[in-house]
Amino acid sequence: MDRSERFYRIDQLLLRDSVVSLERFLAELEVSRATFKRDLEYLRDRLNAPIVWDRDAGGYRYDQPASGPAFALPGLWFNASEAHALLMMQQLLGELHPELLGPHVAPLQARLRALIASGEHSPEEVERRFRLVHAARRKPDIPHFGLIASATLNRQRVRLVHYNRERDETLTRDVSPQQIVYYRDHWYLDAWCHLRDGLRSFSLDAVREAERLDSAAIAIDETLLRQHFETGYGIFSGTSLTWAQLRFSPARARWVADEIWHPQQRGRFDQYGNWLLELPYSDQRELVMDILRHGADVEVLAPASLRAQLHQTLTDAAALYAGKP
């Protein structure tokens, strides 16, 4: 925890337990004796905290301040992950249609607003000062989501009429749903496809029709699911992995070095300040798109097939602008 969080933890312990030993503070705060002493001095000297050592009780406690302003900790809001989670929940709840879930959602929204407004800030002020931006988001309304979600939970097969954007074709197939995934602002169904006799991922906004079948879904072992869907790069799955080696310029490295592209990635700086990133992928399509975002500030070093694909894509893109201002 950071220093501000330690101040609040010290205050909470003293208010709750009245007397707190030094050993208890060190264990709760997970700091050294010297760090705790510095925190205590700051609370006493800068914030006028009336914390005293009680020899008879064997610990620290609050006393009445002798002089100066009353002790009060500055307002503390959420850390980054907590703020993101709360604001995301608020945004998602706001997108719900009120007809069916309105009576159930209203108390949740009220509770969220109360949490967001904790401290000195009103929920209206927080909503004005914080916002979540979703890039290239597709329509949130998915007509067959409820049916597919129910079949997934009840372990039933589903017949899908699914549109494949890449091949521009629509196919009807029976699938055994395994899990529903929310990734980059889109919903996907991971399922066993009985047409292809293998695991596949389907974008739910591309489902044109859905019918729940009477037969039970095939159950795939969770370990196999993770190996298939989580070891590849992005939404594209597979167990046959290839490792990409990317070199980012020193200017771009200042950003990319702090990014997580894949849980198993490896990265380091070379002697020139370039960021060398290695990561596995099973399908290069999403990886190619992410690499292209960095333009001339990234070079694919390996494998040769990925390097050739980037070269061809960039050549085709440059041809669109040849001879044009």
Protein backbone atom coordinates (compact mmCIF):
# COMPACT_ATOMS: atom_id res chain seq x y z
CA MET A 1 0.00 0.00 0.00
CA ASP A 2 1.16 3.56 -0.62
CA ARG A 3 1.73 6.19 2.08
CA SER A 4 -1.77 7.70 1.93
CA GLU A 5 -3.33 4.26 2.32
CA ARG A 6 -1.08 3.61 5.34
CA PHE A 7 -2.30 6.81 6.97
CA TYR A 8 -5.89 5.64 6.63
CA ARG A 9 -5.03 2.19 7.91
CA ILE A 10 -3.33 3.67 10.99
CA ASP A 11 -6.41 5.80 11.63
CA GLN A 12 -8.76 2.83 11.20
CA LEU A 13 -6.79 0.64 13.61
CA LEU A 14 -6.69 3.31 16.30
CA LEU A 15 -10.39 4.09 15.99
CA ARG A 16 -11.38 0.44 16.03
CA ASP A 17 -9.04 -0.99 18.69
CA SER A 18 -8.33 2.14 20.79
CA VAL A 19 -4.80 0.90 21.62
CA VAL A 20 -2.54 -0.69 18.99
CA SER A 21 0.89 -2.15 19.67
CA LEU A 22 3.93 -1.38 17.55
CA GLU A 23 4.15 -5.00 16.44
CA ARG A 24 0.54 -4.94 15.26
CA PHE A 25 1.13 -1.79 13.22
CA LEU A 26 4.23 -3.26 11.56
CA ALA A 27 2.38 -6.47 10.67
CA GLU A 28 -0.73 -4.71 9.35
CA LEU A 29 1.15 -2.09 7.35
CA GLU A 30 3.91 -4.46 6.19
CA VAL A 31 6.59 -1.80 6.70
CA SER A 32 9.79 -1.45 8.70
CA ARG A 33 9.98 0.21 12.10
CA ALA A 34 11.77 3.20 10.54
CA THR A 35 9.05 3.69 7.91
CA PHE A 36 6.32 3.50 10.53
CA LYS A 37 8.13 6.08 12.67
CA ARG A 38 8.34 8.45 9.69
CA ASP A 39 4.63 7.98 9.00
CA LEU A 40 3.85 8.68 12.65
CA GLU A 41 5.95 11.84 12.65
CA TYR A 42 4.20 13.10 9.52
CA LEU A 43 0.76 12.44 10.99
CA ARG A 44 1.71 14.25 14.21
CA ASP A 45 3.66 17.18 12.76
CA ARG A 46 1.85 17.88 9.49
CA LEU A 47 -1.71 16.70 10.16
CA ASN A 48 -1.84 17.36 13.89
CA ALA A 49 -2.80 13.74 14.68
CA PRO A 50 -2.99 13.33 18.50
CA ILE A 51 -1.31 9.91 18.54
CA VAL A 52 0.51 9.12 21.77
CA TRP A 53 2.39 6.18 23.21
CA ASP A 54 0.64 4.72 26.25
CA ARG A 55 3.26 2.90 28.31
CA ASP A 56 0.70 1.33 30.66
CA ALA A 57 -1.46 0.00 27.81
CA GLY A 58 1.57 -1.07 25.77
CA GLY A 59 0.57 0.64 22.53
CA TYR A 60 -0.40 3.76 20.63
CA ARG A 61 -3.73 5.54 21.06
CA TYR A 62 -5.50 8.78 20.24
CA ASP A 63 -5.35 11.61 22.76
CA GLN A 64 -6.98 15.04 22.73
CA PRO A 65 -4.87 17.51 20.71
CA ALA A 66 -3.15 20.09 22.89
CA SER A 67 -3.30 22.89 20.32
CA GLY A 68 -3.65 23.63 16.64
CA PRO A 69 -6.37 22.67 14.19
CA ALA A 70 -8.44 19.52 14.62
CA PHE A 71 -6.97 16.38 13.09
CA ALA A 72 -8.53 15.21 9.83
CA LEU A 73 -7.12 13.07 7.06
CA PRO A 74 -7.36 14.50 3.54
CA GLY A 75 -10.04 13.05 1.28
CA LEU A 76 -9.06 9.73 -0.28
CA TRP A 77 -10.72 8.43 -3.42
CA PHE A 78 -10.18 5.13 -5.20
CA ASN A 79 -7.08 3.72 -6.81
CA ALA A 80 -7.02 3.25 -10.59
CA SER A 81 -8.37 -0.31 -10.69
CA GLU A 82 -11.18 0.45 -8.23
CA ALA A 83 -12.21 3.60 -10.10
CA HIS A 84 -12.24 1.73 -13.42
CA ALA A 85 -14.33 -1.12 -12.01
CA LEU A 86 -16.91 1.17 -10.40
CA LEU A 87 -17.24 3.46 -13.41
CA MET A 88 -17.44 0.48 -15.78
CA MET A 89 -20.21 -1.10 -13.69
CA GLN A 90 -22.07 2.20 -13.65
CA GLN A 91 -21.76 2.55 -17.42
CA LEU A 92 -22.86 -1.01 -18.13
CA LEU A 93 -25.87 -0.71 -15.82
CA GLY A 94 -26.81 2.51 -17.58
CA GLU A 95 -27.01 0.64 -20.90
CA LEU A 96 -29.60 -1.84 -19.63
CA HIS A 97 -33.14 -1.58 -20.92
CA PRO A 98 -35.30 -0.62 -17.92
CA GLU A 99 -38.40 -2.63 -18.83
CA LEU A 100 -37.38 -5.97 -17.35
CA LEU A 101 -34.62 -5.29 -14.85
CA GLY A 102 -35.44 -1.73 -13.81
CA PRO A 103 -36.67 -2.53 -10.27
CA HIS A 104 -33.62 -4.73 -9.64
CA VAL A 105 -31.06 -2.41 -11.20
CA ALA A 106 -32.17 0.80 -9.50
CA PRO A 107 -30.86 -0.22 -6.03
CA LEU A 108 -27.53 -1.27 -7.58
CA GLN A 109 -27.19 2.07 -9.35
CA ALA A 110 -28.01 3.93 -6.15
CA ARG A 111 -25.37 1.94 -4.28
CA LEU A 112 -22.79 2.58 -6.98
CA ARG A 113 -23.46 6.30 -6.89
CA ALA A 114 -23.03 6.25 -3.12
CA LEU A 115 -19.70 4.44 -3.46
CA ILE A 116 -18.47 6.76 -6.20
CA ALA A 117 -19.45 9.76 -4.09
CA SER A 118 -17.49 8.56 -1.06
CA GLY A 119 -15.41 11.30 0.47
CA GLU A 120 -15.86 14.92 -0.53
CA HIS A 121 -17.02 14.42 -4.12
CA SER A 122 -20.60 14.21 -5.38
CA PRO A 123 -21.45 11.58 -8.00
CA GLU A 124 -22.29 14.38 -10.46
CA GLU A 125 -18.81 15.86 -10.01
CA VAL A 126 -17.16 12.46 -10.51
CA GLU A 127 -19.19 11.85 -13.67
CA ARG A 128 -18.10 15.23 -15.03
CA ARG A 129 -14.41 14.65 -14.29
CA PHE A 130 -14.03 10.96 -15.17
CA ARG A 131 -15.12 9.17 -18.32
CA LEU A 132 -14.53 5.81 -19.97
CA VAL A 133 -13.87 5.91 -23.70
CA HIS A 134 -14.53 2.83 -25.85
CA ALA A 135 -12.86 2.84 -29.27
CA ALA A 136 -14.42 1.14 -32.31
CA ARG A 137 -17.21 -0.31 -30.22
CA ARG A 138 -19.88 -2.28 -32.04
CA LYS A 139 -23.57 -2.07 -31.20
CA PRO A 140 -24.24 -3.21 -27.61
CA ASP A 141 -27.67 -4.69 -28.37
CA ILE A 142 -27.31 -8.41 -29.20
CA PRO A 143 -30.74 -9.92 -29.95
CA HIS A 144 -29.81 -13.52 -29.14
CA PHE A 145 -27.58 -12.89 -26.14
CA GLY A 146 -30.14 -14.06 -23.55
CA LEU A 147 -30.82 -17.35 -25.33
CA ILE A 148 -27.11 -18.10 -25.80
CA ALA A 149 -26.26 -17.13 -22.22
CA SER A 150 -29.04 -19.35 -20.87
CA ALA A 151 -27.91 -22.29 -22.99
CA THR A 152 -24.32 -21.77 -21.82
CA LEU A 153 -25.34 -21.87 -18.17
CA ASN A 154 -27.72 -24.81 -18.67
CA ARG A 155 -25.17 -26.77 -20.74
CA GLN A 156 -27.37 -27.09 -23.82
CA ARG A 157 -26.42 -27.13 -27.47
CA VAL A 158 -27.35 -24.20 -29.70
CA ARG A 159 -27.92 -23.92 -33.44
CA LEU A 160 -26.38 -20.70 -34.73
CA VAL A 161 -26.71 -18.86 -38.01
CA HIS A 162 -23.41 -16.99 -37.87
CA TYR A 163 -21.97 -14.41 -40.27
CA ASN A 164 -18.22 -14.62 -40.85
CA ARG A 165 -17.03 -11.11 -41.69
CA GLU A 166 -13.61 -12.18 -42.94
CA ARG A 167 -14.97 -14.68 -45.48
CA ASP A 168 -18.25 -12.78 -46.04
CA GLU A 169 -20.30 -15.95 -45.62
CA THR A 170 -23.12 -17.13 -43.37
CA LEU A 171 -23.18 -20.68 -42.04
CA THR A 172 -25.57 -22.65 -39.88
CA ARG A 173 -23.86 -24.79 -37.28
CA ASP A 174 -24.61 -26.62 -34.04
CA VAL A 175 -22.33 -25.72 -31.14
CA SER A 176 -21.78 -26.76 -27.53
CA PRO A 177 -21.31 -23.47 -25.59
CA GLN A 178 -18.43 -23.45 -23.11
CA GLN A 179 -18.02 -19.84 -21.96
CA ILE A 180 -18.94 -16.27 -22.89
CA VAL A 181 -16.10 -13.76 -23.04
CA TYR A 182 -16.11 -9.95 -23.01
CA TYR A 183 -13.01 -8.75 -24.86
CA ARG A 184 -12.15 -5.30 -26.19
CA ASP A 185 -15.75 -4.12 -25.82
CA HIS A 186 -17.19 -7.10 -27.71
CA TRP A 187 -18.94 -10.32 -26.60
CA TYR A 188 -17.73 -13.70 -27.85
CA LEU A 189 -18.91 -17.28 -27.39
CA ASP A 190 -16.25 -19.96 -26.98
CA ALA A 191 -17.81 -23.24 -28.07
CA TRP A 192 -17.24 -26.69 -29.52
CA CYS A 193 -18.33 -26.46 -33.16
CA HIS A 194 -19.90 -29.73 -34.32
CA LEU A 195 -19.60 -28.63 -37.96
CA ARG A 196 -15.81 -28.15 -37.75
CA ASP A 197 -15.32 -30.72 -34.96
CA GLY A 198 -13.20 -28.34 -32.90
CA LEU A 199 -13.16 -25.37 -30.56
CA ARG A 200 -14.13 -22.05 -32.10
CA SER A 201 -14.87 -18.49 -30.96
CA PHE A 202 -17.96 -16.67 -32.32
CA SER A 203 -18.64 -12.94 -32.19
CA LEU A 204 -22.13 -12.70 -30.70
CA ASP A 205 -23.06 -9.55 -32.59
CA ALA A 206 -22.56 -11.56 -35.80
CA VAL A 207 -25.16 -14.19 -34.81
CA ARG A 208 -28.13 -13.76 -37.14
CA GLU A 209 -30.32 -16.50 -35.64
CA ALA A 210 -30.08 -18.78 -32.60
CA GLU A 211 -32.10 -21.81 -31.51
CA ARG A 212 -31.65 -23.78 -28.31
CA LEU A 213 -31.56 -27.54 -28.93
CA ASP A 214 -32.76 -30.36 -26.69
CA SER A 215 -29.42 -32.21 -26.66
CA ALA A 216 -26.82 -31.62 -23.96
CA ALA A 217 -23.66 -29.69 -24.72
CA ILE A 218 -20.33 -31.47 -24.86
CA ALA A 219 -18.27 -30.53 -21.80
CA ILE A 220 -14.66 -29.59 -22.55
CA ASP A 221 -12.11 -29.81 -19.75
CA GLU A 222 -11.32 -26.35 -18.36
CA THR A 223 -7.58 -26.95 -18.66
CA LEU A 224 -7.97 -27.66 -22.37
CA LEU A 225 -10.14 -24.56 -22.75
CA ARG A 226 -7.49 -22.36 -21.17
CA GLN A 227 -4.74 -23.92 -23.26
CA HIS A 228 -6.71 -23.37 -26.44
CA PHE A 229 -8.16 -19.90 -25.87
CA GLU A 230 -5.67 -18.19 -23.53
CA THR A 231 -2.25 -19.16 -24.87
CA GLY A 232 -2.68 -17.53 -28.30
CA TYR A 233 -2.65 -13.80 -28.96
CA GLY A 234 -5.81 -11.79 -28.31
CA ILE A 235 -9.13 -13.31 -29.27
CA PHE A 236 -7.59 -15.70 -31.79
CA SER A 237 -7.06 -19.09 -30.20
CA GLY A 238 -4.96 -22.14 -30.83
CA THR A 239 -2.31 -24.32 -29.24
CA SER A 240 0.28 -24.25 -32.02
CA LEU A 241 2.32 -21.25 -30.95
CA THR A 242 4.92 -19.16 -32.73
CA TRP A 243 7.02 -16.53 -30.97
CA ALA A 244 7.16 -13.03 -32.44
CA GLN A 245 10.16 -10.78 -31.90
CA LEU A 246 9.48 -7.04 -32.18
CA ARG A 247 11.82 -4.07 -31.87
CA PHE A 248 10.35 -0.70 -30.89
CA SER A 249 12.19 2.59 -31.33
CA PRO A 250 13.48 4.38 -28.22
CA ALA A 251 10.76 7.02 -28.63
CA ARG A 252 7.95 4.43 -28.71
CA ALA A 253 9.63 2.25 -26.09
CA ARG A 254 8.73 4.80 -23.43
CA TRP A 255 5.11 3.68 -23.85
CA VAL A 256 5.31 0.06 -24.98
CA ALA A 257 7.70 -1.03 -22.24
CA ASP A 258 4.87 -0.49 -19.73
CA GLU A 259 2.24 -2.36 -21.77
CA ILE A 260 1.19 -5.98 -21.38
CA TRP A 261 0.52 -7.49 -24.78
CA HIS A 262 0.50 -11.10 -23.56
CA PRO A 263 0.80 -12.73 -20.10
CA GLN A 264 3.86 -14.70 -21.23
CA GLN A 265 5.67 -11.87 -22.98
CA ARG A 266 9.36 -11.14 -22.46
CA GLY A 267 10.84 -7.68 -22.88
CA ARG A 268 14.14 -5.86 -22.45
CA PHE A 269 15.99 -2.75 -23.57
CA ASP A 270 18.99 -3.11 -25.87
CA GLN A 271 22.10 -0.94 -25.73
CA TYR A 272 20.52 1.65 -28.05
CA GLY A 273 17.35 2.13 -26.01
CA ASN A 274 15.13 0.04 -28.27
CA TRP A 275 12.50 -2.13 -26.57
CA LEU A 276 12.74 -5.77 -27.65
CA LEU A 277 9.46 -7.61 -27.11
CA GLU A 278 8.89 -11.34 -27.54
CA LEU A 279 5.43 -12.87 -27.31
CA PRO A 280 3.58 -16.00 -28.50
CA TYR A 281 0.73 -16.12 -31.00
CA SER A 282 -1.23 -18.81 -32.80
CA ASP A 283 -3.00 -16.60 -35.34
CA GLN A 284 -1.28 -13.48 -36.64
CA ARG A 285 -4.34 -11.40 -37.60
CA GLU A 286 -4.86 -9.46 -34.37
CA LEU A 287 -1.14 -9.19 -33.74
CA VAL A 288 -0.64 -7.64 -37.19
CA MET A 289 -3.28 -5.01 -36.42
CA ASP A 290 -1.63 -4.12 -33.12
CA ILE A 291 1.80 -3.87 -34.73
CA LEU A 292 0.49 -1.60 -37.49
CA ARG A 293 -0.69 0.92 -34.88
CA HIS A 294 2.96 1.79 -34.23
CA GLY A 295 3.89 2.47 -37.86
CA ALA A 296 7.59 3.04 -38.48
CA ASP A 297 8.40 2.84 -34.76
CA VAL A 298 8.32 -0.96 -34.73
CA GLU A 299 10.05 -3.65 -36.77
CA VAL A 300 9.25 -7.35 -36.83
CA LEU A 301 12.51 -9.25 -36.43
CA ALA A 302 11.04 -12.76 -36.47
CA PRO A 303 9.54 -15.00 -37.63
CA ALA A 304 10.03 -14.49 -41.35
CA SER A 305 6.36 -15.27 -42.10
CA LEU A 306 5.14 -12.48 -39.82
CA ARG A 307 7.73 -10.08 -41.20
CA ALA A 308 6.61 -10.92 -44.76
CA GLN A 309 2.96 -10.34 -43.84
CA LEU A 310 3.75 -6.90 -42.39
CA HIS A 311 5.80 -6.04 -45.47
CA GLN A 312 2.97 -7.02 -47.81
CA THR A 313 0.34 -5.16 -45.76
CA LEU A 314 2.40 -1.98 -45.64
CA THR A 315 3.21 -2.25 -49.36
CA ASP A 316 -0.48 -2.56 -50.21
CA ALA A 317 -1.29 0.40 -47.95
CA ALA A 318 1.43 2.56 -49.51
CA ALA A 319 0.10 1.75 -52.98
CA LEU A 320 -3.18 3.40 -52.09
CA TYR A 321 -1.37 6.72 -51.66
CA ALA A 322 1.17 6.43 -54.49
CA GLY A 323 1.22 9.63 -56.55
CA LYS A 324 -1.40 11.26 -54.36
CA PRO A 325 -0.85 14.39 -52.21
